[in-house]
Amino acid sequence: MLRSALTLSMLTGQATEVYNIRAGRPQPGLRPQHLAAVVAAAAICDAEVQGAELEQQAIRFAPGGPARPGSYTFDVAEIAGQGSAGAIGLLLQTVLLPLALAGAPSQLTLRGGTHVPWAPSVDYIERVFMPAAARMGIRAQIELVKWGFYPAGGGEARVDIQAGTTSLQPLQLAERGPLQRVVVRGVAANLPSHIPQRMVNRARNLLQAQGLPVDLQPLRVRSAGPGATTAVWAEYEQGIAGFSAYGRKGLASEHVAAAACDEFLAHHHSGAPLDPYLADQLVLPLALATGTSHLVTSAISRHLLTNLAVVQAFVPLQARVTGELGQPGTVVITRSTHD
C-alpha cells in the first residue's frame, strides 16, 4: 500500500497520507526498505515529507513537482543508518514508473538485498516483469552487479531507464501458448559447491517426472553473507512466469528446490499465463494505460486486491476481478479515454 501510494502520488501530483503502517506486524512501522522507498520517491520529485523515520506508522508525502529524470544512487542501509538487506526490487518498483514516464533517460544505482524472501528478486524483475512492462511501452533494463542475500544485504543493481512513451498501452494476457522450456537455477553464496548442485538435481527429478523440458543452472556466487536460492522460470510462447524459494539454516537444499518447483507446478497446471506476483505488479501500470486490459492469473492474491483498492483511490477506473482468493481468476481493468 505504501509503495503504490507513493508512486501514484508522484504520478498524479496528489499529496497522500498513510496511517497504521505495518501495524499488525511484530515490528510495526517503517522498516529500512520502506524508509528507502520514501526517501527515494522524495528525492526524485522534491517532495515534502513528514514521518520519514524508522518505525514511524504514519507519513505524509506531498510531491513538489513531477518526477525529475537523472542519475540517482539509493542505498537501503545508508538511508536507514543500519545494516539491512531491504529489497531493492521493491525500491525500484516505487520509482520506476514516474521516471519511465518523465520524458528523459534516468540511471539508478540501488544497493541492498537483491535476493530476499517476500520481494521480487533482481532476476525476477529482469526476466519476468521487464518484458511485460516493455509490452506496455516501459523501456528499462536492470543489471545485477553484486548479489545480496538476507540478512547481510550488500547487493547492488544498476538500472537504465530509457526515454520512451509518455503513455502506456493496455495488455491482453489471457493466453500463454505452449511451454518452451523451464530454467532452474540453484544459487549458493559463500557455501559449499554441492548445495546448488543438490538443488538443481532435486528440481530435475521433480520436473522431468512431469515430462517437462528442464535447463539446469547450478551457480556459486560471492556476496556479503551466505545465502541460497532456487529460481524457476517457465518460458511460454507468450510470456514468462517466475518462482523462487530461499534457504535458511537447518533447511535442506532439496526442500528449497521442492518449494520453488511446487509453486511452479501449481501455476503450470492452472493453464493461466500470469503468475500471482506479476498480476499484482502489473495492476499499477495498467491503471495508467488508456483502454481495457484483460489478465488471467493462476491465483488471485490479497496483494492484487489491495493494489487495486489503492489505485482506485487515486485514479478513476473500472476494475473487475473474477475468481476466489488463492484460485485462478481474471482481472479486467478499464481506464476511460476521457480521464
Protein backbone atom coordinates (compact mmCIF):
# COMPACT_ATOMS: atom_id res chain seq x y z
CA MET A 1 0.00 0.00 0.00
CA LEU A 2 2.75 2.45 0.93
CA ARG A 3 4.84 1.90 -2.19
CA SER A 4 1.85 2.10 -4.53
CA ALA A 5 0.60 5.23 -2.80
CA LEU A 6 3.99 6.88 -3.20
CA THR A 7 4.14 6.01 -6.90
CA LEU A 8 0.62 7.27 -7.56
CA SER A 9 1.23 10.41 -5.55
CA MET A 10 4.21 11.24 -7.77
CA LEU A 11 2.31 10.46 -10.96
CA THR A 12 -0.85 12.38 -10.10
CA GLY A 13 0.66 15.19 -8.02
CA GLN A 14 -1.75 14.41 -5.19
CA ALA A 15 -0.46 14.54 -1.64
CA THR A 16 -1.08 11.35 0.32
CA GLU A 17 -1.20 10.31 3.96
CA VAL A 18 -0.68 6.70 5.02
CA TYR A 19 -1.60 5.55 8.54
CA ASN A 20 -1.14 2.39 10.59
CA ILE A 21 1.86 1.31 8.53
CA ARG A 22 2.54 -2.38 9.20
CA ALA A 23 0.50 -2.01 12.39
CA GLY A 24 -0.13 -5.73 12.77
CA ARG A 25 3.50 -6.81 12.35
CA PRO A 26 5.88 -7.84 15.16
CA GLN A 27 7.97 -4.77 14.23
CA PRO A 28 5.38 -2.17 13.20
CA GLY A 29 6.11 0.99 11.26
CA LEU A 30 8.62 1.77 8.56
CA ARG A 31 11.44 -0.74 8.13
CA PRO A 32 14.62 0.10 6.19
CA GLN A 33 13.28 -0.86 2.75
CA HIS A 34 10.10 1.17 3.28
CA LEU A 35 12.05 4.19 4.51
CA ALA A 36 14.34 3.90 1.48
CA ALA A 37 11.30 3.95 -0.82
CA VAL A 38 10.02 7.13 0.85
CA VAL A 39 13.42 8.84 0.65
CA ALA A 40 13.93 7.81 -2.99
CA ALA A 41 10.47 9.00 -4.01
CA ALA A 42 11.00 12.32 -2.24
CA ALA A 43 14.36 12.80 -3.95
CA ILE A 44 13.05 12.43 -7.49
CA CYS A 45 10.09 14.78 -7.10
CA ASP A 46 11.27 17.24 -4.41
CA ALA A 47 8.54 16.10 -2.06
CA GLU A 48 7.78 17.47 1.38
CA VAL A 49 7.62 14.52 3.75
CA GLN A 50 6.56 14.13 7.35
CA GLY A 51 7.28 10.94 9.29
CA ALA A 52 10.21 9.63 7.25
CA GLU A 53 11.86 7.76 10.12
CA LEU A 54 12.29 4.13 11.05
CA GLU A 55 9.34 2.66 12.98
CA GLN A 56 7.04 5.57 12.13
CA GLN A 57 3.49 4.32 11.49
CA ALA A 58 2.22 7.38 9.64
CA ILE A 59 3.65 9.57 6.90
CA ARG A 60 2.53 12.47 4.76
CA PHE A 61 4.01 12.79 1.28
CA ALA A 62 3.43 15.89 -0.87
CA PRO A 63 5.20 15.98 -4.28
CA GLY A 64 6.95 19.23 -5.12
CA GLY A 65 6.56 18.58 -8.84
CA PRO A 66 6.74 15.80 -11.40
CA ALA A 67 9.48 13.17 -11.25
CA ARG A 68 12.83 14.58 -12.33
CA PRO A 69 14.89 12.25 -14.56
CA GLY A 70 18.60 11.90 -13.86
CA SER A 71 21.22 9.74 -12.17
CA TYR A 72 20.48 8.57 -8.64
CA THR A 73 22.06 6.28 -6.07
CA PHE A 74 19.98 4.83 -3.25
CA ASP A 75 21.49 2.58 -0.57
CA VAL A 76 18.97 1.00 1.81
CA ALA A 77 21.49 0.51 4.62
CA GLU A 78 22.85 4.04 4.27
CA ILE A 79 19.38 5.59 4.28
CA ALA A 80 18.33 3.55 7.31
CA GLY A 81 21.57 4.18 9.17
CA GLN A 82 21.94 0.47 9.90
CA GLY A 83 22.82 -2.79 8.17
CA SER A 84 19.93 -4.03 6.06
CA ALA A 85 19.05 -6.46 3.30
CA GLY A 86 15.99 -4.39 2.44
CA ALA A 87 14.78 -5.39 -1.02
CA ILE A 88 15.98 -3.14 -3.80
CA GLY A 89 13.38 -4.73 -6.09
CA LEU A 90 10.63 -3.08 -4.04
CA LEU A 91 12.57 0.19 -4.01
CA LEU A 92 12.82 0.09 -7.80
CA GLN A 93 9.13 -0.57 -8.24
CA THR A 94 8.36 2.60 -6.30
CA VAL A 95 10.30 4.94 -8.61
CA LEU A 96 10.31 3.08 -11.94
CA LEU A 97 7.01 4.30 -13.36
CA PRO A 98 7.43 8.01 -12.52
CA LEU A 99 10.93 8.01 -14.05
CA ALA A 100 9.89 5.93 -17.07
CA LEU A 101 7.18 8.49 -17.88
CA ALA A 102 9.35 11.54 -17.17
CA GLY A 103 10.37 12.08 -20.81
CA ALA A 104 14.15 11.70 -20.46
CA PRO A 105 16.54 8.88 -19.51
CA SER A 106 17.49 8.01 -15.94
CA GLN A 107 20.15 5.81 -14.38
CA LEU A 108 19.80 4.21 -10.96
CA THR A 109 22.31 2.52 -8.69
CA LEU A 110 20.46 0.58 -6.00
CA ARG A 111 22.14 -1.13 -3.03
CA GLY A 112 20.64 -3.55 -0.52
CA GLY A 113 19.09 -7.00 -0.85
CA THR A 114 18.93 -8.37 -4.39
CA HIS A 115 17.56 -11.81 -3.40
CA VAL A 116 15.45 -11.82 -0.25
CA PRO A 117 12.19 -13.52 0.74
CA TRP A 118 8.82 -11.81 0.16
CA ALA A 119 10.14 -9.50 -2.56
CA PRO A 120 10.84 -9.69 -6.30
CA SER A 121 14.47 -10.58 -6.94
CA VAL A 122 16.60 -8.73 -9.46
CA ASP A 123 16.37 -11.86 -11.65
CA TYR A 124 12.57 -11.84 -11.49
CA ILE A 125 12.42 -8.17 -12.44
CA GLU A 126 14.78 -8.75 -15.37
CA ARG A 127 13.25 -11.96 -16.73
CA VAL A 128 9.55 -11.63 -15.88
CA PHE A 129 8.48 -8.07 -15.04
CA MET A 130 10.58 -6.06 -17.52
CA PRO A 131 9.42 -7.97 -20.64
CA ALA A 132 5.77 -7.49 -19.63
CA ALA A 133 6.40 -3.81 -18.88
CA ALA A 134 8.07 -3.39 -22.28
CA ARG A 135 4.85 -4.50 -23.98
CA MET A 136 3.19 -1.51 -22.33
CA GLY A 137 5.84 0.94 -23.52
CA ILE A 138 8.19 0.98 -20.50
CA ARG A 139 11.80 0.74 -21.66
CA ALA A 140 14.21 -0.24 -18.88
CA GLN A 141 17.00 -2.72 -18.22
CA ILE A 142 18.37 -3.96 -14.90
CA GLU A 143 21.83 -5.41 -14.31
CA LEU A 144 22.86 -7.43 -11.26
CA VAL A 145 26.25 -6.15 -10.10
CA LYS A 146 26.60 -7.77 -6.67
CA TRP A 147 24.48 -10.46 -5.04
CA GLY A 148 22.89 -9.57 -1.71
CA PHE A 149 21.07 -12.13 0.45
CA TYR A 150 19.18 -11.74 3.71
CA PRO A 151 20.32 -10.79 6.33
CA ALA A 152 23.67 -9.28 5.24
CA GLY A 153 22.48 -7.47 2.11
CA GLY A 154 25.32 -5.65 0.38
CA GLY A 155 23.97 -6.31 -3.11
CA GLU A 156 23.86 -3.87 -5.98
CA ALA A 157 21.91 -3.43 -9.21
CA ARG A 158 22.07 -0.82 -11.92
CA VAL A 159 19.01 0.26 -13.84
CA ASP A 160 18.90 2.09 -17.15
CA ILE A 161 15.54 3.74 -17.81
CA GLN A 162 15.24 4.99 -21.38
CA ALA A 163 13.28 7.96 -22.60
CA GLY A 164 10.18 6.42 -24.10
CA THR A 165 6.47 6.89 -24.34
CA THR A 166 4.56 9.29 -22.16
CA SER A 167 1.52 7.00 -22.24
CA LEU A 168 1.12 3.28 -21.57
CA GLN A 169 -0.60 0.62 -23.65
CA PRO A 170 -3.13 -1.85 -22.20
CA LEU A 171 -2.35 -5.57 -22.16
CA GLN A 172 -4.26 -8.66 -23.24
CA LEU A 173 -2.74 -11.57 -21.32
CA ALA A 174 -5.34 -14.31 -21.36
CA GLU A 175 -3.34 -16.99 -23.21
CA ARG A 176 0.21 -18.23 -22.67
CA GLY A 177 0.80 -20.65 -25.54
CA PRO A 178 2.91 -23.83 -25.30
CA LEU A 179 5.64 -24.26 -22.70
CA GLN A 180 9.01 -23.91 -24.43
CA ARG A 181 11.37 -24.69 -21.56
CA VAL A 182 11.83 -24.49 -17.80
CA VAL A 183 15.00 -22.89 -16.45
CA VAL A 184 16.05 -23.90 -12.93
CA ARG A 185 18.88 -22.00 -11.30
CA GLY A 186 20.28 -23.16 -7.97
CA VAL A 187 22.45 -20.48 -6.38
CA ALA A 188 24.65 -20.59 -3.30
CA ALA A 189 26.71 -17.72 -1.93
CA ASN A 190 29.68 -18.40 0.35
CA LEU A 191 28.53 -22.01 0.76
CA PRO A 192 29.86 -25.40 -0.44
CA SER A 193 29.61 -26.26 -4.13
CA HIS A 194 27.37 -29.27 -3.54
CA ILE A 195 24.46 -27.05 -2.41
CA PRO A 196 23.49 -25.55 -5.80
CA GLN A 197 24.02 -28.94 -7.42
CA ARG A 198 21.70 -30.63 -4.94
CA MET A 199 19.04 -28.01 -5.58
CA VAL A 200 19.05 -28.44 -9.35
CA ASN A 201 19.24 -32.23 -9.04
CA ARG A 202 16.09 -32.25 -6.92
CA ALA A 203 14.34 -29.90 -9.35
CA ARG A 204 15.35 -32.10 -12.29
CA ASN A 205 13.86 -35.17 -10.66
CA LEU A 206 10.59 -33.41 -9.85
CA LEU A 207 10.10 -31.74 -13.21
CA GLN A 208 11.30 -34.49 -15.50
CA ALA A 209 8.85 -36.81 -13.75
CA GLN A 210 6.19 -34.49 -15.18
CA GLY A 211 7.70 -34.76 -18.67
CA LEU A 212 8.85 -31.13 -18.67
CA PRO A 213 11.91 -29.79 -20.53
CA VAL A 214 14.43 -28.51 -17.98
CA ASP A 215 17.56 -26.35 -18.32
CA LEU A 216 19.62 -26.75 -15.12
CA GLN A 217 21.95 -23.96 -13.96
CA PRO A 218 23.88 -24.61 -10.71
CA LEU A 219 25.77 -21.47 -9.71
CA ARG A 220 28.12 -20.41 -6.90
CA VAL A 221 28.46 -16.68 -6.25
CA ARG A 222 30.09 -14.31 -3.80
CA SER A 223 28.14 -11.99 -1.56
CA ALA A 224 28.46 -10.10 1.71
CA GLY A 225 26.94 -13.04 3.56
CA PRO A 226 25.85 -16.63 2.93
CA GLY A 227 22.66 -17.37 1.05
CA ALA A 228 20.94 -19.89 -1.17
CA THR A 229 18.02 -19.79 -3.56
CA THR A 230 16.31 -21.87 -6.21
CA ALA A 231 14.65 -19.93 -9.02
CA VAL A 232 12.33 -21.46 -11.62
CA TRP A 233 11.44 -19.59 -14.81
CA ALA A 234 8.79 -21.04 -17.08
CA GLU A 235 9.13 -19.75 -20.62
CA TYR A 236 5.85 -19.96 -22.52
CA GLU A 237 5.24 -18.84 -26.07
CA GLN A 238 3.61 -15.61 -24.93
CA GLY A 239 5.33 -14.82 -21.65
CA ILE A 240 7.44 -15.92 -18.70
CA ALA A 241 6.42 -16.86 -15.16
CA GLY A 242 8.82 -16.94 -12.23
CA PHE A 243 9.03 -18.62 -8.82
CA SER A 244 11.69 -18.85 -6.11
CA ALA A 245 12.44 -20.18 -2.66
CA TYR A 246 15.22 -19.29 -0.23
CA GLY A 247 17.42 -21.33 2.03
CA ARG A 248 17.85 -20.86 5.72
CA LYS A 249 19.86 -22.57 8.42
CA GLY A 250 18.56 -26.08 9.04
CA LEU A 251 16.56 -26.30 5.80
CA ALA A 252 17.86 -28.91 3.36
CA SER A 253 18.75 -27.77 -0.15
CA GLU A 254 16.32 -30.30 -1.59
CA HIS A 255 13.44 -28.71 0.33
CA VAL A 256 14.31 -25.27 -1.10
CA ALA A 257 14.21 -26.66 -4.63
CA ALA A 258 10.97 -28.55 -3.98
CA ALA A 259 9.24 -25.42 -2.68
CA ALA A 260 10.06 -23.45 -5.85
CA CYS A 261 9.08 -26.37 -8.09
CA ASP A 262 5.79 -26.94 -6.28
CA GLU A 263 4.83 -23.30 -6.83
CA PHE A 264 5.71 -23.55 -10.50
CA LEU A 265 3.77 -26.78 -10.99
CA ALA A 266 0.65 -25.32 -9.38
CA HIS A 267 0.88 -22.42 -11.80
CA HIS A 268 1.62 -24.64 -14.80
CA HIS A 269 -1.33 -26.95 -14.19
CA SER A 270 -3.70 -23.96 -13.87
CA GLY A 271 -3.24 -23.07 -17.54
CA ALA A 272 -3.02 -19.36 -16.69
CA PRO A 273 -0.39 -17.10 -18.32
CA LEU A 274 0.39 -14.85 -15.33
CA ASP A 275 1.92 -15.94 -12.05
CA PRO A 276 0.31 -14.30 -8.99
CA TYR A 277 3.25 -11.93 -8.47
CA LEU A 278 3.25 -10.48 -11.97
CA ALA A 279 -0.52 -10.00 -11.90
CA ASP A 280 -0.14 -7.95 -8.72
CA GLN A 281 2.79 -5.93 -10.08
CA LEU A 282 1.02 -5.05 -13.34
CA VAL A 283 -2.01 -3.52 -11.63
CA LEU A 284 -0.39 -0.15 -11.11
CA PRO A 285 0.98 0.45 -14.63
CA LEU A 286 -2.20 -0.92 -16.19
CA ALA A 287 -4.22 1.59 -14.19
CA LEU A 288 -2.37 4.29 -16.14
CA ALA A 289 -2.94 2.69 -19.55
CA THR A 290 -5.83 4.10 -21.56
CA GLY A 291 -8.24 1.37 -22.63
CA THR A 292 -9.07 -2.08 -21.31
CA SER A 293 -6.61 -4.70 -20.07
CA HIS A 294 -7.51 -8.35 -19.54
CA LEU A 295 -5.34 -10.57 -17.32
CA VAL A 296 -5.65 -14.23 -16.35
CA THR A 297 -3.61 -15.34 -13.33
CA SER A 298 -3.03 -18.69 -11.67
CA ALA A 299 -4.04 -17.26 -8.26
CA ILE A 300 -5.93 -14.19 -7.10
CA SER A 301 -3.81 -12.76 -4.26
CA ARG A 302 -4.56 -10.37 -1.42
CA HIS A 303 -1.75 -8.17 -2.76
CA LEU A 304 -3.57 -7.87 -6.07
CA LEU A 305 -6.86 -6.90 -4.43
CA THR A 306 -5.14 -4.42 -2.13
CA ASN A 307 -3.24 -2.85 -5.01
CA LEU A 308 -6.48 -2.38 -6.93
CA ALA A 309 -8.04 -0.62 -3.94
CA VAL A 310 -5.08 1.74 -3.59
CA VAL A 311 -5.06 2.54 -7.31
CA GLN A 312 -8.77 3.33 -7.30
CA ALA A 313 -8.19 5.88 -4.52
CA PHE A 314 -6.03 7.90 -6.96
CA VAL A 315 -7.16 7.06 -10.49
CA PRO A 316 -10.72 6.81 -11.88
CA LEU A 317 -11.05 3.37 -13.43
CA GLN A 318 -13.23 0.31 -13.52
CA ALA A 319 -11.84 -2.99 -12.24
CA ARG A 320 -13.49 -6.39 -12.18
CA VAL A 321 -11.97 -9.45 -10.54
CA THR A 322 -13.45 -12.89 -11.19
CA GLY A 323 -12.30 -15.84 -9.09
CA GLU A 324 -11.77 -16.86 -5.50
CA LEU A 325 -8.83 -15.83 -3.34
CA GLY A 326 -5.93 -18.22 -3.93
CA GLN A 327 -7.56 -19.69 -7.04
CA PRO A 328 -7.16 -18.93 -10.76
CA GLY A 329 -9.04 -15.88 -11.92
CA THR A 330 -9.32 -12.94 -14.28
CA VAL A 331 -8.76 -9.21 -13.86
CA VAL A 332 -10.24 -6.63 -16.19
CA ILE A 333 -9.06 -3.03 -15.80
CA THR A 334 -10.55 -0.17 -17.84
CA ARG A 335 -9.49 3.44 -17.85
CA SER A 336 -11.61 5.78 -19.90
CA THR A 337 -10.08 7.78 -22.76
CA HIS A 338 -11.70 10.85 -21.16
CA ASP A 339 -9.86 10.58 -17.78
